[in-house]
Amino acid sequence: MGRVENSFKRFGTSSTIGLPKVLRNIADYIENGDTKYLHPVGLRQLASRFKRLTVGDQEFALKKMGAKKSEIKTCINSKDRTKLFRNLITNHGK
């Protein structure tokens, strides 16, 4: 608790919300877990892992994520499938 409060005082001075709201947001995050936000490094790591999959596994993953068969068929190579994968991830919450 003390670390959060000290960090807020140090870095949150320009924040438009107060410490109680920040703590509620942290509690909500802990309770609900997953959010619709993905850090750019996390996106790169996921895309890198996806790129190493076999063609069949990539297509299976894309289908599981909700890609249409026509979208998958337009992908000529791994680069195209990875681009579709990244697009599906970044537009998932929208």
PDB file of N, CA and C in Angstrom:
ATOM      1  N   MET A   1       0.821  -1.183   0.000  1.00  0.00           N
ATOM      2  CA  MET A   1       0.000   0.000   0.000  1.00  0.00           C
ATOM      3  C   MET A   1       0.876   1.261   0.000  1.00  0.00           C
ATOM      4  N   GLY A   2       1.891   1.238   0.822  1.00  0.00           N
ATOM      5  CA  GLY A   2       2.778   2.393   0.912  1.00  0.00           C
ATOM      6  C   GLY A   2       3.495   2.685  -0.386  1.00  0.00           C
ATOM      7  N   ARG A   3       3.906   1.651  -1.084  1.00  0.00           N
ATOM      8  CA  ARG A   3       4.605   1.852  -2.356  1.00  0.00           C
ATOM      9  C   ARG A   3       3.692   2.485  -3.391  1.00  0.00           C
ATOM     10  N   VAL A   4       2.455   2.007  -3.442  1.00  0.00           N
ATOM     11  CA  VAL A   4       1.500   2.576  -4.395  1.00  0.00           C
ATOM     12  C   VAL A   4       1.257   4.044  -4.065  1.00  0.00           C
ATOM     13  N   GLU A   5       1.049   4.325  -2.796  1.00  0.00           N
ATOM     14  CA  GLU A   5       0.791   5.705  -2.384  1.00  0.00           C
ATOM     15  C   GLU A   5       1.987   6.609  -2.690  1.00  0.00           C
ATOM     16  N   ASN A   6       3.188   6.140  -2.383  1.00  0.00           N
ATOM     17  CA  ASN A   6       4.391   6.938  -2.668  1.00  0.00           C
ATOM     18  C   ASN A   6       4.586   7.145  -4.171  1.00  0.00           C
ATOM     19  N   SER A   7       4.345   6.085  -4.943  1.00  0.00           N
ATOM     20  CA  SER A   7       4.478   6.209  -6.397  1.00  0.00           C
ATOM     21  C   SER A   7       3.453   7.186  -6.951  1.00  0.00           C
ATOM     22  N   PHE A   8       2.236   7.134  -6.418  1.00  0.00           N
ATOM     23  CA  PHE A   8       1.212   8.063  -6.877  1.00  0.00           C
ATOM     24  C   PHE A   8       1.623   9.497  -6.575  1.00  0.00           C
ATOM     25  N   LYS A   9       2.131   9.718  -5.385  1.00  0.00           N
ATOM     26  CA  LYS A   9       2.563  11.069  -5.023  1.00  0.00           C
ATOM     27  C   LYS A   9       3.714  11.534  -5.908  1.00  0.00           C
ATOM     28  N   ARG A  10       4.595  10.614  -6.256  1.00  0.00           N
ATOM     29  CA  ARG A  10       5.757  10.975  -7.052  1.00  0.00           C
ATOM     30  C   ARG A  10       5.414  11.173  -8.526  1.00  0.00           C
ATOM     31  N   PHE A  11       4.619  10.241  -9.089  1.00  0.00           N
ATOM     32  CA  PHE A  11       4.385  10.260 -10.530  1.00  0.00           C
ATOM     33  C   PHE A  11       2.988  10.708 -10.928  1.00  0.00           C
ATOM     34  N   GLY A  12       2.062  10.698 -10.006  1.00  0.00           N
ATOM     35  CA  GLY A  12       0.681  11.001 -10.357  1.00  0.00           C
ATOM     36  C   GLY A  12       0.236  12.402 -10.035  1.00  0.00           C
ATOM     37  N   THR A  13       1.163  13.296  -9.847  1.00  0.00           N
ATOM     38  CA  THR A  13       0.795  14.656  -9.464  1.00  0.00           C
ATOM     39  C   THR A  13       0.017  15.382 -10.551  1.00  0.00           C
ATOM     40  N   SER A  14       0.224  15.005 -11.817  1.00  0.00           N
ATOM     41  CA  SER A  14      -0.519  15.657 -12.893  1.00  0.00           C
ATOM     42  C   SER A  14      -1.796  14.881 -13.237  1.00  0.00           C
ATOM     43  N   SER A  15      -2.081  13.832 -12.495  1.00  0.00           N
ATOM     44  CA  SER A  15      -3.259  13.005 -12.759  1.00  0.00           C
ATOM     45  C   SER A  15      -4.538  13.756 -12.417  1.00  0.00           C
ATOM     46  N   THR A  16      -5.568  13.557 -13.240  1.00  0.00           N
ATOM     47  CA  THR A  16      -6.854  14.207 -12.990  1.00  0.00           C
ATOM     48  C   THR A  16      -7.724  13.395 -12.041  1.00  0.00           C
ATOM     49  N   ILE A  17      -7.285  12.178 -11.736  1.00  0.00           N
ATOM     50  CA  ILE A  17      -8.038  11.364 -10.777  1.00  0.00           C
ATOM     51  C   ILE A  17      -7.225  11.210  -9.512  1.00  0.00           C
ATOM     52  N   GLY A  18      -7.893  10.996  -8.423  1.00  0.00           N
ATOM     53  CA  GLY A  18      -7.221  10.891  -7.144  1.00  0.00           C
ATOM     54  C   GLY A  18      -6.750   9.481  -6.832  1.00  0.00           C
ATOM     55  N   LEU A  19      -6.016   9.364  -5.736  1.00  0.00           N
ATOM     56  CA  LEU A  19      -5.485   8.082  -5.298  1.00  0.00           C
ATOM     57  C   LEU A  19      -6.581   7.046  -5.053  1.00  0.00           C
ATOM     58  N   PRO A  20      -7.719   7.396  -4.417  1.00  0.00           N
ATOM     59  CA  PRO A  20      -8.764   6.379  -4.221  1.00  0.00           C
ATOM     60  C   PRO A  20      -9.255   5.766  -5.530  1.00  0.00           C
ATOM     61  N   LYS A  21      -9.403   6.582  -6.574  1.00  0.00           N
ATOM     62  CA  LYS A  21      -9.852   6.077  -7.872  1.00  0.00           C
ATOM     63  C   LYS A  21      -8.785   5.166  -8.486  1.00  0.00           C
ATOM     64  N   VAL A  22      -7.534   5.543  -8.342  1.00  0.00           N
ATOM     65  CA  VAL A  22      -6.443   4.712  -8.850  1.00  0.00           C
ATOM     66  C   VAL A  22      -6.464   3.351  -8.162  1.00  0.00           C
ATOM     67  N   LEU A  23      -6.646   3.349  -6.856  1.00  0.00           N
ATOM     68  CA  LEU A  23      -6.686   2.090  -6.111  1.00  0.00           C
ATOM     69  C   LEU A  23      -7.897   1.243  -6.503  1.00  0.00           C
ATOM     70  N   ARG A  24      -9.039   1.886  -6.747  1.00  0.00           N
ATOM     71  CA  ARG A  24     -10.216   1.137  -7.221  1.00  0.00           C
ATOM     72  C   ARG A  24      -9.957   0.511  -8.582  1.00  0.00           C
ATOM     73  N   ASN A  25      -9.304   1.272  -9.458  1.00  0.00           N
ATOM     74  CA  ASN A  25      -8.969   0.751 -10.782  1.00  0.00           C
ATOM     75  C   ASN A  25      -8.011  -0.447 -10.683  1.00  0.00           C
ATOM     76  N   ILE A  26      -7.063  -0.370  -9.774  1.00  0.00           N
ATOM     77  CA  ILE A  26      -6.138  -1.488  -9.562  1.00  0.00           C
ATOM     78  C   ILE A  26      -6.908  -2.705  -9.060  1.00  0.00           C
ATOM     79  N   ALA A  27      -7.819  -2.491  -8.110  1.00  0.00           N
ATOM     80  CA  ALA A  27      -8.622  -3.598  -7.581  1.00  0.00           C
ATOM     81  C   ALA A  27      -9.498  -4.206  -8.671  1.00  0.00           C
ATOM     82  N   ASP A  28     -10.094  -3.379  -9.505  1.00  0.00           N
ATOM     83  CA  ASP A  28     -10.900  -3.887 -10.627  1.00  0.00           C
ATOM     84  C   ASP A  28     -10.059  -4.727 -11.566  1.00  0.00           C
ATOM     85  N   TYR A  29      -8.858  -4.258 -11.840  1.00  0.00           N
ATOM     86  CA  TYR A  29      -7.965  -4.997 -12.727  1.00  0.00           C
ATOM     87  C   TYR A  29      -7.622  -6.363 -12.126  1.00  0.00           C
ATOM     88  N   ILE A  30      -7.326  -6.379 -10.839  1.00  0.00           N
ATOM     89  CA  ILE A  30      -6.978  -7.639 -10.180  1.00  0.00           C
ATOM     90  C   ILE A  30      -8.168  -8.594 -10.181  1.00  0.00           C
ATOM     91  N   GLU A  31      -9.365  -8.081  -9.932  1.00  0.00           N
ATOM     92  CA  GLU A  31     -10.565  -8.921  -9.889  1.00  0.00           C
ATOM     93  C   GLU A  31     -10.960  -9.432 -11.269  1.00  0.00           C
ATOM     94  N   ASN A  32     -10.869  -8.575 -12.269  1.00  0.00           N
ATOM     95  CA  ASN A  32     -11.345  -8.940 -13.604  1.00  0.00           C
ATOM     96  C   ASN A  32     -10.267  -9.557 -14.478  1.00  0.00           C
ATOM     97  N   GLY A  33      -9.030  -9.357 -14.107  1.00  0.00           N
ATOM     98  CA  GLY A  33      -7.940  -9.964 -14.859  1.00  0.00           C
ATOM     99  C   GLY A  33      -7.716  -9.320 -16.202  1.00  0.00           C
ATOM    100  N   ASP A  34      -8.070 -10.019 -17.251  1.00  0.00           N
ATOM    101  CA  ASP A  34      -7.757  -9.608 -18.614  1.00  0.00           C
ATOM    102  C   ASP A  34      -8.411  -8.276 -18.977  1.00  0.00           C
ATOM    103  N   THR A  35      -7.688  -7.481 -19.745  1.00  0.00           N
ATOM    104  CA  THR A  35      -8.226  -6.227 -20.257  1.00  0.00           C
ATOM    105  C   THR A  35      -8.152  -6.261 -21.774  1.00  0.00           C
ATOM    106  N   LYS A  36      -8.711  -5.286 -22.398  1.00  0.00           N
ATOM    107  CA  LYS A  36      -8.667  -5.230 -23.861  1.00  0.00           C
ATOM    108  C   LYS A  36      -7.375  -4.590 -24.371  1.00  0.00           C
ATOM    109  N   TYR A  37      -6.479  -4.222 -23.471  1.00  0.00           N
ATOM    110  CA  TYR A  37      -5.244  -3.555 -23.868  1.00  0.00           C
ATOM    111  C   TYR A  37      -4.093  -4.545 -23.925  1.00  0.00           C
ATOM    112  N   LEU A  38      -3.228  -4.359 -24.902  1.00  0.00           N
ATOM    113  CA  LEU A  38      -2.063  -5.204 -25.074  1.00  0.00           C
ATOM    114  C   LEU A  38      -0.860  -4.307 -25.310  1.00  0.00           C
ATOM    115  N   HIS A  39       0.174  -4.513 -24.527  1.00  0.00           N
ATOM    116  CA  HIS A  39       1.397  -3.731 -24.668  1.00  0.00           C
ATOM    117  C   HIS A  39       2.047  -4.067 -26.012  1.00  0.00           C
ATOM    118  N   PRO A  40       2.633  -3.084 -26.690  1.00  0.00           N
ATOM    119  CA  PRO A  40       3.260  -3.345 -27.990  1.00  0.00           C
ATOM    120  C   PRO A  40       4.306  -4.466 -27.962  1.00  0.00           C
ATOM    121  N   VAL A  41       5.060  -4.566 -26.871  1.00  0.00           N
ATOM    122  CA  VAL A  41       6.051  -5.641 -26.767  1.00  0.00           C
ATOM    123  C   VAL A  41       5.346  -6.991 -26.698  1.00  0.00           C
ATOM    124  N   GLY A  42       4.241  -7.053 -25.971  1.00  0.00           N
ATOM    125  CA  GLY A  42       3.472  -8.287 -25.892  1.00  0.00           C
ATOM    126  C   GLY A  42       2.930  -8.684 -27.255  1.00  0.00           C
ATOM    127  N   LEU A  43       2.494  -7.719 -28.029  1.00  0.00           N
ATOM    128  CA  LEU A  43       1.997  -7.985 -29.379  1.00  0.00           C
ATOM    129  C   LEU A  43       3.115  -8.543 -30.253  1.00  0.00           C
ATOM    130  N   ARG A  44       4.297  -7.956 -30.166  1.00  0.00           N
ATOM    131  CA  ARG A  44       5.443  -8.452 -30.943  1.00  0.00           C
ATOM    132  C   ARG A  44       5.795  -9.881 -30.549  1.00  0.00           C
ATOM    133  N   GLN A  45       5.754 -10.170 -29.243  1.00  0.00           N
ATOM    134  CA  GLN A  45       6.076 -11.516 -28.780  1.00  0.00           C
ATOM    135  C   GLN A  45       5.059 -12.529 -29.289  1.00  0.00           C
ATOM    136  N   LEU A  46       3.781 -12.179 -29.226  1.00  0.00           N
ATOM    137  CA  LEU A  46       2.744 -13.081 -29.722  1.00  0.00           C
ATOM    138  C   LEU A  46       2.890 -13.311 -31.222  1.00  0.00           C
ATOM    139  N   ALA A  47       3.155 -12.246 -31.962  1.00  0.00           N
ATOM    140  CA  ALA A  47       3.319 -12.369 -33.409  1.00  0.00           C
ATOM    141  C   ALA A  47       4.544 -13.217 -33.748  1.00  0.00           C
ATOM    142  N   SER A  48       5.600 -13.076 -32.976  1.00  0.00           N
ATOM    143  CA  SER A  48       6.809 -13.853 -33.206  1.00  0.00           C
ATOM    144  C   SER A  48       6.542 -15.344 -32.973  1.00  0.00           C
ATOM    145  N   ARG A  49       5.822 -15.654 -31.899  1.00  0.00           N
ATOM    146  CA  ARG A  49       5.465 -17.060 -31.636  1.00  0.00           C
ATOM    147  C   ARG A  49       4.564 -17.601 -32.738  1.00  0.00           C
ATOM    148  N   PHE A  50       3.610 -16.789 -33.170  1.00  0.00           N
ATOM    149  CA  PHE A  50       2.692 -17.206 -34.229  1.00  0.00           C
ATOM    150  C   PHE A  50       3.461 -17.513 -35.512  1.00  0.00           C
ATOM    151  N   LYS A  51       4.441 -16.666 -35.840  1.00  0.00           N
ATOM    152  CA  LYS A  51       5.206 -16.813 -37.073  1.00  0.00           C
ATOM    153  C   LYS A  51       5.976 -18.140 -37.112  1.00  0.00           C
ATOM    154  N   ARG A  52       6.369 -18.648 -35.940  1.00  0.00           N
ATOM    155  CA  ARG A  52       7.140 -19.894 -35.875  1.00  0.00           C
ATOM    156  C   ARG A  52       6.272 -21.145 -36.017  1.00  0.00           C
ATOM    157  N   LEU A  53       4.938 -21.000 -35.978  1.00  0.00           N
ATOM    158  CA  LEU A  53       4.045 -22.147 -36.116  1.00  0.00           C
ATOM    159  C   LEU A  53       4.060 -22.676 -37.541  1.00  0.00           C
ATOM    160  N   THR A  54       3.650 -23.931 -37.703  1.00  0.00           N
ATOM    161  CA  THR A  54       3.514 -24.489 -39.038  1.00  0.00           C
ATOM    162  C   THR A  54       2.320 -23.833 -39.733  1.00  0.00           C
ATOM    163  N   VAL A  55       2.230 -23.986 -41.037  1.00  0.00           N
ATOM    164  CA  VAL A  55       1.139 -23.392 -41.815  1.00  0.00           C
ATOM    165  C   VAL A  55      -0.211 -23.880 -41.274  1.00  0.00           C
ATOM    166  N   GLY A  56      -0.318 -25.174 -41.039  1.00  0.00           N
ATOM    167  CA  GLY A  56      -1.575 -25.736 -40.540  1.00  0.00           C
ATOM    168  C   GLY A  56      -1.961 -25.178 -39.180  1.00  0.00           C
ATOM    169  N   ASP A  57      -0.970 -25.050 -38.298  1.00  0.00           N
ATOM    170  CA  ASP A  57      -1.245 -24.494 -36.968  1.00  0.00           C
ATOM    171  C   ASP A  57      -1.613 -23.017 -37.046  1.00  0.00           C
ATOM    172  N   GLN A  58      -0.967 -22.282 -37.958  1.00  0.00           N
ATOM    173  CA  GLN A  58      -1.317 -20.874 -38.132  1.00  0.00           C
ATOM    174  C   GLN A  58      -2.759 -20.737 -38.607  1.00  0.00           C
ATOM    175  N   GLU A  59      -3.132 -21.535 -39.592  1.00  0.00           N
ATOM    176  CA  GLU A  59      -4.496 -21.470 -40.119  1.00  0.00           C
ATOM    177  C   GLU A  59      -5.510 -21.878 -39.057  1.00  0.00           C
ATOM    178  N   PHE A  60      -5.182 -22.897 -38.269  1.00  0.00           N
ATOM    179  CA  PHE A  60      -6.071 -23.329 -37.197  1.00  0.00           C
ATOM    180  C   PHE A  60      -6.264 -22.207 -36.179  1.00  0.00           C
ATOM    181  N   ALA A  61      -5.157 -21.554 -35.807  1.00  0.00           N
ATOM    182  CA  ALA A  61      -5.235 -20.457 -34.833  1.00  0.00           C
ATOM    183  C   ALA A  61      -6.078 -19.310 -35.371  1.00  0.00           C
ATOM    184  N   LEU A  62      -5.903 -18.992 -36.640  1.00  0.00           N
ATOM    185  CA  LEU A  62      -6.675 -17.902 -37.243  1.00  0.00           C
ATOM    186  C   LEU A  62      -8.162 -18.233 -37.262  1.00  0.00           C
ATOM    187  N   LYS A  63      -8.504 -19.477 -37.604  1.00  0.00           N
ATOM    188  CA  LYS A  63      -9.912 -19.894 -37.592  1.00  0.00           C
ATOM    189  C   LYS A  63     -10.487 -19.784 -36.188  1.00  0.00           C
ATOM    190  N   LYS A  64      -9.710 -20.221 -35.209  1.00  0.00           N
ATOM    191  CA  LYS A  64     -10.155 -20.178 -33.813  1.00  0.00           C
ATOM    192  C   LYS A  64     -10.370 -18.744 -33.336  1.00  0.00           C
ATOM    193  N   MET A  65      -9.614 -17.820 -33.898  1.00  0.00           N
ATOM    194  CA  MET A  65      -9.737 -16.409 -33.525  1.00  0.00           C
ATOM    195  C   MET A  65     -10.884 -15.714 -34.249  1.00  0.00           C
ATOM    196  N   GLY A  66     -11.519 -16.426 -35.185  1.00  0.00           N
ATOM    197  CA  GLY A  66     -12.667 -15.851 -35.858  1.00  0.00           C
ATOM    198  C   GLY A  66     -12.409 -15.333 -37.258  1.00  0.00           C
ATOM    199  N   ALA A  67     -11.250 -15.657 -37.822  1.00  0.00           N
ATOM    200  CA  ALA A  67     -10.965 -15.231 -39.197  1.00  0.00           C
ATOM    201  C   ALA A  67     -11.836 -16.020 -40.165  1.00  0.00           C
ATOM    202  N   LYS A  68     -12.279 -15.351 -41.211  1.00  0.00           N
ATOM    203  CA  LYS A  68     -13.088 -16.011 -42.236  1.00  0.00           C
ATOM    204  C   LYS A  68     -12.185 -16.844 -43.138  1.00  0.00           C
ATOM    205  N   LYS A  69     -12.748 -17.912 -43.698  1.00  0.00           N
ATOM    206  CA  LYS A  69     -11.965 -18.773 -44.585  1.00  0.00           C
ATOM    207  C   LYS A  69     -11.415 -17.989 -45.771  1.00  0.00           C
ATOM    208  N   SER A  70     -12.213 -17.060 -46.270  1.00  0.00           N
ATOM    209  CA  SER A  70     -11.762 -16.258 -47.412  1.00  0.00           C
ATOM    210  C   SER A  70     -10.564 -15.385 -47.042  1.00  0.00           C
ATOM    211  N   GLU A  71     -10.537 -14.883 -45.796  1.00  0.00           N
ATOM    212  CA  GLU A  71      -9.400 -14.075 -45.346  1.00  0.00           C
ATOM    213  C   GLU A  71      -8.141 -14.928 -45.271  1.00  0.00           C
ATOM    214  N   ILE A  72      -8.302 -16.141 -44.769  1.00  0.00           N
ATOM    215  CA  ILE A  72      -7.148 -17.029 -44.618  1.00  0.00           C
ATOM    216  C   ILE A  72      -6.622 -17.453 -45.986  1.00  0.00           C
ATOM    217  N   LYS A  73      -7.530 -17.702 -46.928  1.00  0.00           N
ATOM    218  CA  LYS A  73      -7.104 -18.131 -48.267  1.00  0.00           C
ATOM    219  C   LYS A  73      -6.341 -17.035 -49.005  1.00  0.00           C
ATOM    220  N   THR A  74      -6.623 -15.780 -48.708  1.00  0.00           N
ATOM    221  CA  THR A  74      -5.914 -14.687 -49.374  1.00  0.00           C
ATOM    222  C   THR A  74      -4.478 -14.541 -48.872  1.00  0.00           C
ATOM    223  N   CYS A  75      -4.164 -15.174 -47.755  1.00  0.00           N
ATOM    224  CA  CYS A  75      -2.807 -15.121 -47.213  1.00  0.00           C
ATOM    225  C   CYS A  75      -1.913 -16.085 -47.988  1.00  0.00           C
ATOM    226  N   ILE A  76      -0.936 -15.553 -48.674  1.00  0.00           N
ATOM    227  CA  ILE A  76      -0.061 -16.352 -49.533  1.00  0.00           C
ATOM    228  C   ILE A  76       1.061 -17.007 -48.729  1.00  0.00           C
ATOM    229  N   ASN A  77       1.562 -16.292 -47.733  1.00  0.00           N
ATOM    230  CA  ASN A  77       2.717 -16.798 -46.985  1.00  0.00           C
ATOM    231  C   ASN A  77       2.565 -16.494 -45.494  1.00  0.00           C
ATOM    232  N   SER A  78       3.588 -16.868 -44.741  1.00  0.00           N
ATOM    233  CA  SER A  78       3.568 -16.673 -43.288  1.00  0.00           C
ATOM    234  C   SER A  78       3.474 -15.195 -42.916  1.00  0.00           C
ATOM    235  N   LYS A  79       4.108 -14.354 -43.706  1.00  0.00           N
ATOM    236  CA  LYS A  79       4.070 -12.909 -43.442  1.00  0.00           C
ATOM    237  C   LYS A  79       2.633 -12.393 -43.522  1.00  0.00           C
ATOM    238  N   ASP A  80       1.883 -12.832 -44.525  1.00  0.00           N
ATOM    239  CA  ASP A  80       0.485 -12.410 -44.669  1.00  0.00           C
ATOM    240  C   ASP A  80      -0.377 -12.945 -43.523  1.00  0.00           C
ATOM    241  N   ARG A  81      -0.136 -14.220 -43.151  1.00  0.00           N
ATOM    242  CA  ARG A  81      -0.913 -14.797 -42.043  1.00  0.00           C
ATOM    243  C   ARG A  81      -0.596 -14.088 -40.734  1.00  0.00           C
ATOM    244  N   THR A  82       0.671 -13.721 -40.529  1.00  0.00           N
ATOM    245  CA  THR A  82       1.056 -13.000 -39.310  1.00  0.00           C
ATOM    246  C   THR A  82       0.414 -11.621 -39.287  1.00  0.00           C
ATOM    247  N   LYS A  83       0.353 -10.972 -40.429  1.00  0.00           N
ATOM    248  CA  LYS A  83      -0.294  -9.654 -40.520  1.00  0.00           C
ATOM    249  C   LYS A  83      -1.778  -9.771 -40.159  1.00  0.00           C
ATOM    250  N   LEU A  84      -2.444 -10.818 -40.650  1.00  0.00           N
ATOM    251  CA  LEU A  84      -3.844 -11.052 -40.310  1.00  0.00           C
ATOM    252  C   LEU A  84      -3.994 -11.340 -38.820  1.00  0.00           C
ATOM    253  N   PHE A  85      -3.078 -12.128 -38.272  1.00  0.00           N
ATOM    254  CA  PHE A  85      -3.070 -12.438 -36.841  1.00  0.00           C
ATOM    255  C   PHE A  85      -2.973 -11.163 -36.013  1.00  0.00           C
ATOM    256  N   ARG A  86      -2.027 -10.294 -36.360  1.00  0.00           N
ATOM    257  CA  ARG A  86      -1.854  -9.030 -35.636  1.00  0.00           C
ATOM    258  C   ARG A  86      -3.115  -8.166 -35.736  1.00  0.00           C
ATOM    259  N   ASN A  87      -3.717  -8.155 -36.913  1.00  0.00           N
ATOM    260  CA  ASN A  87      -4.930  -7.382 -37.122  1.00  0.00           C
ATOM    261  C   ASN A  87      -6.079  -7.918 -36.253  1.00  0.00           C
ATOM    262  N   LEU A  88      -6.193  -9.222 -36.177  1.00  0.00           N
ATOM    263  CA  LEU A  88      -7.242  -9.826 -35.358  1.00  0.00           C
ATOM    264  C   LEU A  88      -7.052  -9.508 -33.871  1.00  0.00           C
ATOM    265  N   ILE A  89      -5.798  -9.539 -33.440  1.00  0.00           N
ATOM    266  CA  ILE A  89      -5.522  -9.237 -32.030  1.00  0.00           C
ATOM    267  C   ILE A  89      -5.827  -7.775 -31.712  1.00  0.00           C
ATOM    268  N   THR A  90      -5.352  -6.867 -32.543  1.00  0.00           N
ATOM    269  CA  THR A  90      -5.507  -5.447 -32.232  1.00  0.00           C
ATOM    270  C   THR A  90      -6.940  -4.959 -32.395  1.00  0.00           C
ATOM    271  N   ASN A  91      -7.733  -5.629 -33.213  1.00  0.00           N
ATOM    272  CA  ASN A  91      -9.117  -5.222 -33.404  1.00  0.00           C
ATOM    273  C   ASN A  91     -10.099  -6.065 -32.604  1.00  0.00           C
ATOM    274  N   HIS A  92      -9.579  -6.957 -31.761  1.00  0.00           N
ATOM    275  CA  HIS A  92     -10.446  -7.873 -30.999  1.00  0.00           C
ATOM    276  C   HIS A  92     -11.401  -7.143 -30.072  1.00  0.00           C
ATOM    277  N   GLY A  93     -10.911  -6.101 -29.402  1.00  0.00           N
ATOM    278  CA  GLY A  93     -11.750  -5.382 -28.441  1.00  0.00           C
ATOM    279  C   GLY A  93     -12.685  -4.380 -29.068  1.00  0.00           C
ATOM    280  N   LYS A  94     -12.629  -4.210 -30.396  1.00  0.00           N
ATOM    281  CA  LYS A  94     -13.421  -3.170 -31.061  1.00  0.00           C
ATOM    282  C   LYS A  94     -14.658  -3.725 -31.691  1.00  0.00           C
TER     283      LYS A  94
END
